[in-house]
Structures are given as structure tokens and as C-alpha cells.
Amino acid sequence: MQLADGRLEGTESDLDSSAAAFLRFMHGVCAAAQLVDQDSKSLHFVFSIPRQGTELASLFEAFEASRSELGIESYGISQASSLERVFTALASRM
């Protein structure tokens, strides 16, 4: 599997196993994380993570520690308000 122009190249089974590995990692880091959106062709995932009981610092530490192992090229973590989440979810469906 190689990265070219920001996209992951490989067989479909490579992509599926990479996605599965990341989903296992994410649920290991935060069991309450819920998958909200996914683009398996580019391995782009959006999760909803509860504010209560979740420390952003520990999420950043987990991602940084596992970046090379999981092949994470980039990631972002934000604390969106409920209204922002609703707007984002609606906009992504249009």
C-alpha cells in the first residue's frame, strides 16, 4: 500500500483491512466513539465522541503514538457544538 497524491493505493482488501484496523484502534481509544461518516475509498472517518469522560490530550497522544503503525497521514480533533454537528451532518448529505 502506498500513498500517492494524498490517496491510499492498494487492493480493496488492503483498504478494508486498514479501515478495520483503524476502527478497532478508535474504539480501543474511546469505546463510546460512534462512527458518523465514512469514505472508505480515501479512508476518511468522522466520529462523534462524548465530551464527558473524554480528554482531548489523551486522544492526541493515542493518535500520535499510533500514526506510523496505522498509516495515519493526517487527522483532526475538534469540539463541535451540537448545532455544528447537526449542520455538518445535514451539509454532508446534500
Foldseek 3Di string as FASTA:
>chain_A
DDADPLADDDDPVVLVVLLVVVVVLVCVLPVPWDWQDADSRRGDTDIDGDPPPDDPVSVVVSCVVCCVVSVPPDDDDDDDDPVVVVVVSVVVVD
